[in-house]
PDB file of all heavy atoms in Angstrom:
ATOM      1  N   LEU A   1     -26.776  -1.188  65.979  1.00  0.00           N
ATOM      2  CA  LEU A   1     -25.767  -1.178  64.919  1.00  0.00           C
ATOM      3  C   LEU A   1     -24.371  -0.910  65.485  1.00  0.00           C
ATOM      4  O   LEU A   1     -23.412  -1.619  65.164  1.00  0.00           O
ATOM      5  CB  LEU A   1     -26.126  -0.131  63.863  1.00  0.00           C
ATOM      6  CG  LEU A   1     -25.198  -0.022  62.653  1.00  0.00           C
ATOM      7  CD1 LEU A   1     -25.063  -1.364  61.935  1.00  0.00           C
ATOM      8  CD2 LEU A   1     -25.697   1.041  61.678  1.00  0.00           C
ATOM      9  N   SER A   2     -24.260   0.082  66.350  1.00  0.00           N
ATOM     10  CA  SER A   2     -22.942   0.433  66.885  1.00  0.00           C
ATOM     11  C   SER A   2     -22.370  -0.680  67.762  1.00  0.00           C
ATOM     12  O   SER A   2     -21.169  -0.949  67.735  1.00  0.00           O
ATOM     13  CB  SER A   2     -23.011   1.748  67.669  1.00  0.00           C
ATOM     14  OG  SER A   2     -23.926   1.644  68.740  1.00  0.00           O
ATOM     15  N   SER A   3     -23.232  -1.355  68.538  1.00  0.00           N
ATOM     16  CA  SER A   3     -22.734  -2.415  69.422  1.00  0.00           C
ATOM     17  C   SER A   3     -22.325  -3.658  68.634  1.00  0.00           C
ATOM     18  O   SER A   3     -21.323  -4.305  68.951  1.00  0.00           O
ATOM     19  CB  SER A   3     -23.778  -2.765  70.488  1.00  0.00           C
ATOM     20  OG  SER A   3     -24.969  -3.265  69.925  1.00  0.00           O
ATOM     21  N   ILE A   4     -23.076  -3.991  67.591  1.00  0.00           N
ATOM     22  CA  ILE A   4     -22.707  -5.131  66.723  1.00  0.00           C
ATOM     23  C   ILE A   4     -21.401  -4.821  65.989  1.00  0.00           C
ATOM     24  O   ILE A   4     -20.507  -5.669  65.882  1.00  0.00           O
ATOM     25  CB  ILE A   4     -23.822  -5.436  65.703  1.00  0.00           C
ATOM     26  CG1 ILE A   4     -25.111  -5.882  66.400  1.00  0.00           C
ATOM     27  CG2 ILE A   4     -23.359  -6.486  64.685  1.00  0.00           C
ATOM     28  CD1 ILE A   4     -25.072  -7.237  67.039  1.00  0.00           C
ATOM     29  N   TRP A   5     -21.279  -3.609  65.502  1.00  0.00           N
ATOM     30  CA  TRP A   5     -20.071  -3.207  64.778  1.00  0.00           C
ATOM     31  C   TRP A   5     -18.847  -3.278  65.685  1.00  0.00           C
ATOM     32  O   TRP A   5     -17.754  -3.676  65.271  1.00  0.00           O
ATOM     33  CB  TRP A   5     -20.246  -1.790  64.219  1.00  0.00           C
ATOM     34  CG  TRP A   5     -19.138  -1.380  63.310  1.00  0.00           C
ATOM     35  CD1 TRP A   5     -18.165  -0.452  63.550  1.00  0.00           C
ATOM     36  CD2 TRP A   5     -18.845  -1.900  62.013  1.00  0.00           C
ATOM     37  NE1 TRP A   5     -17.302  -0.353  62.483  1.00  0.00           N
ATOM     38  CE2 TRP A   5     -17.705  -1.239  61.519  1.00  0.00           C
ATOM     39  CE3 TRP A   5     -19.467  -2.860  61.209  1.00  0.00           C
ATOM     40  CZ2 TRP A   5     -17.159  -1.508  60.276  1.00  0.00           C
ATOM     41  CZ3 TRP A   5     -18.918  -3.131  59.961  1.00  0.00           C
ATOM     42  CH2 TRP A   5     -17.780  -2.457  59.513  1.00  0.00           C
ATOM     43  N   SER A   6     -19.032  -2.904  66.956  1.00  0.00           N
ATOM     44  CA  SER A   6     -17.942  -2.946  67.918  1.00  0.00           C
ATOM     45  C   SER A   6     -17.424  -4.375  68.113  1.00  0.00           C
ATOM     46  O   SER A   6     -16.219  -4.604  68.205  1.00  0.00           O
ATOM     47  CB  SER A   6     -18.412  -2.370  69.257  1.00  0.00           C
ATOM     48  OG  SER A   6     -17.343  -2.269  70.158  1.00  0.00           O
ATOM     49  N   VAL A   7     -18.338  -5.347  68.143  1.00  0.00           N
ATOM     50  CA  VAL A   7     -17.947  -6.759  68.237  1.00  0.00           C
ATOM     51  C   VAL A   7     -17.117  -7.154  67.015  1.00  0.00           C
ATOM     52  O   VAL A   7     -16.105  -7.845  67.125  1.00  0.00           O
ATOM     53  CB  VAL A   7     -19.193  -7.670  68.353  1.00  0.00           C
ATOM     54  CG1 VAL A   7     -18.799  -9.146  68.238  1.00  0.00           C
ATOM     55  CG2 VAL A   7     -19.921  -7.422  69.659  1.00  0.00           C
ATOM     56  N   PHE A   8     -17.546  -6.680  65.865  1.00  0.00           N
ATOM     57  CA  PHE A   8     -16.929  -7.049  64.591  1.00  0.00           C
ATOM     58  C   PHE A   8     -15.500  -6.544  64.461  1.00  0.00           C
ATOM     59  O   PHE A   8     -14.637  -7.227  63.889  1.00  0.00           O
ATOM     60  CB  PHE A   8     -17.801  -6.502  63.453  1.00  0.00           C
ATOM     61  CG  PHE A   8     -17.245  -6.698  62.078  1.00  0.00           C
ATOM     62  CD1 PHE A   8     -17.071  -7.966  61.547  1.00  0.00           C
ATOM     63  CD2 PHE A   8     -16.888  -5.606  61.295  1.00  0.00           C
ATOM     64  CE1 PHE A   8     -16.554  -8.143  60.272  1.00  0.00           C
ATOM     65  CE2 PHE A   8     -16.383  -5.774  60.013  1.00  0.00           C
ATOM     66  CZ  PHE A   8     -16.207  -7.049  59.509  1.00  0.00           C
ATOM     67  N   ILE A   9     -15.217  -5.359  64.995  1.00  0.00           N
ATOM     68  CA  ILE A   9     -13.900  -4.741  64.765  1.00  0.00           C
ATOM     69  C   ILE A   9     -12.935  -4.950  65.936  1.00  0.00           C
ATOM     70  O   ILE A   9     -11.846  -4.366  65.948  1.00  0.00           O
ATOM     71  CB  ILE A   9     -14.033  -3.233  64.459  1.00  0.00           C
ATOM     72  CG1 ILE A   9     -14.700  -2.495  65.620  1.00  0.00           C
ATOM     73  CG2 ILE A   9     -14.763  -3.005  63.149  1.00  0.00           C
ATOM     74  CD1 ILE A   9     -14.654  -0.982  65.510  1.00  0.00           C
ATOM     75  N   LYS A  10     -13.329  -5.788  66.907  1.00  0.00           N
ATOM     76  CA  LYS A  10     -12.449  -6.036  68.048  1.00  0.00           C
ATOM     77  C   LYS A  10     -12.022  -7.495  68.089  1.00  0.00           C
ATOM     78  O   LYS A  10     -12.595  -8.341  67.408  1.00  0.00           O
ATOM     79  CB  LYS A  10     -13.141  -5.611  69.340  1.00  0.00           C
ATOM     80  CG  LYS A  10     -13.286  -4.089  69.399  1.00  0.00           C
ATOM     81  CD  LYS A  10     -13.862  -3.596  70.678  1.00  0.00           C
ATOM     82  CE  LYS A  10     -13.865  -2.061  70.656  1.00  0.00           C
ATOM     83  NZ  LYS A  10     -14.614  -1.490  71.759  1.00  0.00           N
ATOM     84  N   GLN A  11     -11.017  -7.758  68.908  1.00  0.00           N
ATOM     85  CA  GLN A  11     -10.472  -9.108  69.000  1.00  0.00           C
ATOM     86  C   GLN A  11     -10.256  -9.473  70.466  1.00  0.00           C
ATOM     87  O   GLN A  11     -10.139  -8.604  71.326  1.00  0.00           O
ATOM     88  CB  GLN A  11      -9.129  -9.184  68.255  1.00  0.00           C
ATOM     89  CG  GLN A  11      -9.219  -8.927  66.764  1.00  0.00           C
ATOM     90  CD  GLN A  11      -7.843  -8.882  66.114  1.00  0.00           C
ATOM     91  OE1 GLN A  11      -7.010  -8.047  66.439  1.00  0.00           O
ATOM     92  NE2 GLN A  11      -7.587  -9.804  65.186  1.00  0.00           N
ATOM     93  N   GLY A  12     -10.195 -10.799  70.724  1.00  0.00           N
ATOM     94  CA  GLY A  12      -9.841 -11.290  72.047  1.00  0.00           C
ATOM     95  C   GLY A  12     -10.746 -10.802  73.154  1.00  0.00           C
ATOM     96  O   GLY A  12     -11.967 -10.787  73.030  1.00  0.00           O
ATOM     97  N   LYS A  13     -10.121 -10.359  74.257  1.00  0.00           N
ATOM     98  CA  LYS A  13     -10.870  -9.928  75.443  1.00  0.00           C
ATOM     99  C   LYS A  13     -11.761  -8.726  75.136  1.00  0.00           C
ATOM    100  O   LYS A  13     -12.886  -8.622  75.638  1.00  0.00           O
ATOM    101  CB  LYS A  13      -9.887  -9.589  76.574  1.00  0.00           C
ATOM    102  CG  LYS A  13     -10.569  -9.283  77.896  1.00  0.00           C
ATOM    103  CD  LYS A  13      -9.567  -9.271  79.028  1.00  0.00           C
ATOM    104  CE  LYS A  13     -10.140  -8.811  80.360  1.00  0.00           C
ATOM    105  NZ  LYS A  13     -11.504  -9.128  80.638  1.00  0.00           N
ATOM    106  N   GLU A  14     -11.265  -7.812  74.302  1.00  0.00           N
ATOM    107  CA  GLU A  14     -12.058  -6.627  73.943  1.00  0.00           C
ATOM    108  C   GLU A  14     -13.336  -7.032  73.206  1.00  0.00           C
ATOM    109  O   GLU A  14     -14.388  -6.431  73.390  1.00  0.00           O
ATOM    110  CB  GLU A  14     -11.234  -5.676  73.079  1.00  0.00           C
ATOM    111  CG  GLU A  14     -10.164  -4.923  73.844  1.00  0.00           C
ATOM    112  CD  GLU A  14      -9.464  -3.895  72.979  1.00  0.00           C
ATOM    113  OE1 GLU A  14      -9.635  -3.938  71.743  1.00  0.00           O
ATOM    114  OE2 GLU A  14      -8.726  -3.058  73.533  1.00  0.00           O
ATOM    115  N   GLN A  15     -13.215  -8.060  72.376  1.00  0.00           N
ATOM    116  CA  GLN A  15     -14.393  -8.546  71.652  1.00  0.00           C
ATOM    117  C   GLN A  15     -15.401  -9.182  72.610  1.00  0.00           C
ATOM    118  O   GLN A  15     -16.609  -8.963  72.489  1.00  0.00           O
ATOM    119  CB  GLN A  15     -13.975  -9.558  70.589  1.00  0.00           C
ATOM    120  CG  GLN A  15     -15.103  -9.960  69.649  1.00  0.00           C
ATOM    121  CD  GLN A  15     -14.616 -10.944  68.591  1.00  0.00           C
ATOM    122  OE1 GLN A  15     -14.280 -12.081  68.913  1.00  0.00           O
ATOM    123  NE2 GLN A  15     -14.569 -10.495  67.347  1.00  0.00           N
ATOM    124  N   GLU A  16     -14.893  -9.944  73.580  1.00  0.00           N
ATOM    125  CA  GLU A  16     -15.771 -10.553  74.591  1.00  0.00           C
ATOM    126  C   GLU A  16     -16.529  -9.483  75.368  1.00  0.00           C
ATOM    127  O   GLU A  16     -17.732  -9.617  75.638  1.00  0.00           O
ATOM    128  CB  GLU A  16     -14.950 -11.407  75.566  1.00  0.00           C
ATOM    129  CG  GLU A  16     -14.412 -12.697  74.969  1.00  0.00           C
ATOM    130  CD  GLU A  16     -13.498 -13.443  75.937  1.00  0.00           C
ATOM    131  OE1 GLU A  16     -13.657 -13.236  77.166  1.00  0.00           O
ATOM    132  OE2 GLU A  16     -12.637 -14.208  75.471  1.00  0.00           O
ATOM    133  N   GLU A  17     -15.837  -8.421  75.729  1.00  0.00           N
ATOM    134  CA  GLU A  17     -16.467  -7.320  76.466  1.00  0.00           C
ATOM    135  C   GLU A  17     -17.510  -6.603  75.601  1.00  0.00           C
ATOM    136  O   GLU A  17     -18.569  -6.199  76.091  1.00  0.00           O
ATOM    137  CB  GLU A  17     -15.406  -6.325  76.942  1.00  0.00           C
ATOM    138  CG  GLU A  17     -14.499  -6.888  78.030  1.00  0.00           C
ATOM    139  CD  GLU A  17     -13.300  -5.995  78.321  1.00  0.00           C
ATOM    140  OE1 GLU A  17     -13.089  -5.012  77.562  1.00  0.00           O
ATOM    141  OE2 GLU A  17     -12.567  -6.291  79.285  1.00  0.00           O
ATOM    142  N   ALA A  18     -17.220  -6.471  74.311  1.00  0.00           N
ATOM    143  CA  ALA A  18     -18.151  -5.801  73.395  1.00  0.00           C
ATOM    144  C   ALA A  18     -19.419  -6.614  73.177  1.00  0.00           C
ATOM    145  O   ALA A  18     -20.480  -6.051  72.854  1.00  0.00           O
ATOM    146  CB  ALA A  18     -17.463  -5.531  72.058  1.00  0.00           C
ATOM    147  N   MET A  19     -19.331  -7.936  73.361  1.00  0.00           N
ATOM    148  CA  MET A  19     -20.489  -8.803  73.167  1.00  0.00           C
ATOM    149  C   MET A  19     -21.586  -8.535  74.192  1.00  0.00           C
ATOM    150  O   MET A  19     -22.770  -8.724  73.904  1.00  0.00           O
ATOM    151  CB  MET A  19     -20.075 -10.277  73.250  1.00  0.00           C
ATOM    152  CG  MET A  19     -19.551 -10.855  71.962  1.00  0.00           C
ATOM    153  SD  MET A  19     -20.837 -11.099  70.704  1.00  0.00           S
ATOM    154  CE  MET A  19     -21.557 -12.640  71.267  1.00  0.00           C
ATOM    155  N   VAL A  20     -21.212  -8.087  75.390  1.00  0.00           N
ATOM    156  CA  VAL A  20     -22.193  -7.906  76.469  1.00  0.00           C
ATOM    157  C   VAL A  20     -23.270  -6.887  76.099  1.00  0.00           C
ATOM    158  O   VAL A  20     -24.464  -7.215  76.094  1.00  0.00           O
ATOM    159  CB  VAL A  20     -21.490  -7.535  77.805  1.00  0.00           C
ATOM    160  CG1 VAL A  20     -22.530  -7.254  78.891  1.00  0.00           C
ATOM    161  CG2 VAL A  20     -20.550  -8.650  78.233  1.00  0.00           C
ATOM    162  N   PRO A  21     -22.911  -5.636  75.746  1.00  0.00           N
ATOM    163  CA  PRO A  21     -23.958  -4.685  75.342  1.00  0.00           C
ATOM    164  C   PRO A  21     -24.661  -5.086  74.050  1.00  0.00           C
ATOM    165  O   PRO A  21     -25.857  -4.809  73.886  1.00  0.00           O
ATOM    166  CB  PRO A  21     -23.208  -3.353  75.184  1.00  0.00           C
ATOM    167  CG  PRO A  21     -21.774  -3.727  75.013  1.00  0.00           C
ATOM    168  CD  PRO A  21     -21.583  -4.986  75.787  1.00  0.00           C
ATOM    169  N   ALA A  22     -23.935  -5.737  73.145  1.00  0.00           N
ATOM    170  CA  ALA A  22     -24.564  -6.164  71.881  1.00  0.00           C
ATOM    171  C   ALA A  22     -25.706  -7.138  72.154  1.00  0.00           C
ATOM    172  O   ALA A  22     -26.810  -7.002  71.607  1.00  0.00           O
ATOM    173  CB  ALA A  22     -23.522  -6.802  70.960  1.00  0.00           C
ATOM    174  N   LEU A  23     -25.461  -8.118  73.014  1.00  0.00           N
ATOM    175  CA  LEU A  23     -26.496  -9.111  73.342  1.00  0.00           C
ATOM    176  C   LEU A  23     -27.638  -8.479  74.134  1.00  0.00           C
ATOM    177  O   LEU A  23     -28.813  -8.847  73.948  1.00  0.00           O
ATOM    178  CB  LEU A  23     -25.879 -10.271  74.127  1.00  0.00           C
ATOM    179  CG  LEU A  23     -24.865 -11.131  73.357  1.00  0.00           C
ATOM    180  CD1 LEU A  23     -24.273 -12.207  74.262  1.00  0.00           C
ATOM    181  CD2 LEU A  23     -25.492 -11.764  72.115  1.00  0.00           C
ATOM    182  N   GLU A  24     -27.322  -7.528  74.992  1.00  0.00           N
ATOM    183  CA  GLU A  24     -28.377  -6.823  75.733  1.00  0.00           C
ATOM    184  C   GLU A  24     -29.318  -6.088  74.777  1.00  0.00           C
ATOM    185  O   GLU A  24     -30.539  -6.125  74.931  1.00  0.00           O
ATOM    186  CB  GLU A  24     -27.755  -5.826  76.719  1.00  0.00           C
ATOM    187  CG  GLU A  24     -27.162  -6.474  77.959  1.00  0.00           C
ATOM    188  CD  GLU A  24     -26.490  -5.452  78.868  1.00  0.00           C
ATOM    189  OE1 GLU A  24     -26.449  -4.253  78.506  1.00  0.00           O
ATOM    190  OE2 GLU A  24     -26.000  -5.860  79.939  1.00  0.00           O
ATOM    191  N   ASN A  25     -28.742  -5.439  73.787  1.00  0.00           N
ATOM    192  CA  ASN A  25     -29.556  -4.713  72.805  1.00  0.00           C
ATOM    193  C   ASN A  25     -30.418  -5.663  71.981  1.00  0.00           C
ATOM    194  O   ASN A  25     -31.584  -5.367  71.681  1.00  0.00           O
ATOM    195  CB  ASN A  25     -28.658  -3.880  71.892  1.00  0.00           C
ATOM    196  CG  ASN A  25     -28.004  -2.725  72.619  1.00  0.00           C
ATOM    197  OD1 ASN A  25     -28.559  -2.196  73.575  1.00  0.00           O
ATOM    198  ND2 ASN A  25     -26.825  -2.328  72.180  1.00  0.00           N
ATOM    199  N   LEU A  26     -29.850  -6.810  71.607  1.00  0.00           N
ATOM    200  CA  LEU A  26     -30.611  -7.797  70.840  1.00  0.00           C
ATOM    201  C   LEU A  26     -31.771  -8.370  71.658  1.00  0.00           C
ATOM    202  O   LEU A  26     -32.828  -8.693  71.109  1.00  0.00           O
ATOM    203  CB  LEU A  26     -29.690  -8.913  70.357  1.00  0.00           C
ATOM    204  CG  LEU A  26     -28.642  -8.512  69.309  1.00  0.00           C
ATOM    205  CD1 LEU A  26     -27.690  -9.673  69.041  1.00  0.00           C
ATOM    206  CD2 LEU A  26     -29.308  -8.059  68.003  1.00  0.00           C
ATOM    207  N   LYS A  27     -31.596  -8.456  72.971  1.00  0.00           N
ATOM    208  CA  LYS A  27     -32.682  -8.952  73.835  1.00  0.00           C
ATOM    209  C   LYS A  27     -33.888  -8.026  73.784  1.00  0.00           C
ATOM    210  O   LYS A  27     -35.034  -8.465  73.830  1.00  0.00           O
ATOM    211  CB  LYS A  27     -32.186  -9.084  75.285  1.00  0.00           C
ATOM    212  CG  LYS A  27     -31.382 -10.342  75.548  1.00  0.00           C
ATOM    213  CD  LYS A  27     -30.889 -10.376  76.994  1.00  0.00           C
ATOM    214  CE  LYS A  27     -29.867 -11.492  77.184  1.00  0.00           C
ATOM    215  NZ  LYS A  27     -29.186 -11.418  78.492  1.00  0.00           N
TER     216      LYS A  27
END
């Protein structure tokens, strides 16, 4: 939940960086 939320509330490069842990957790 926290990693997905982080993707949602960020933009640009910060959002790209937030996607990495989010996708790892989904795996």
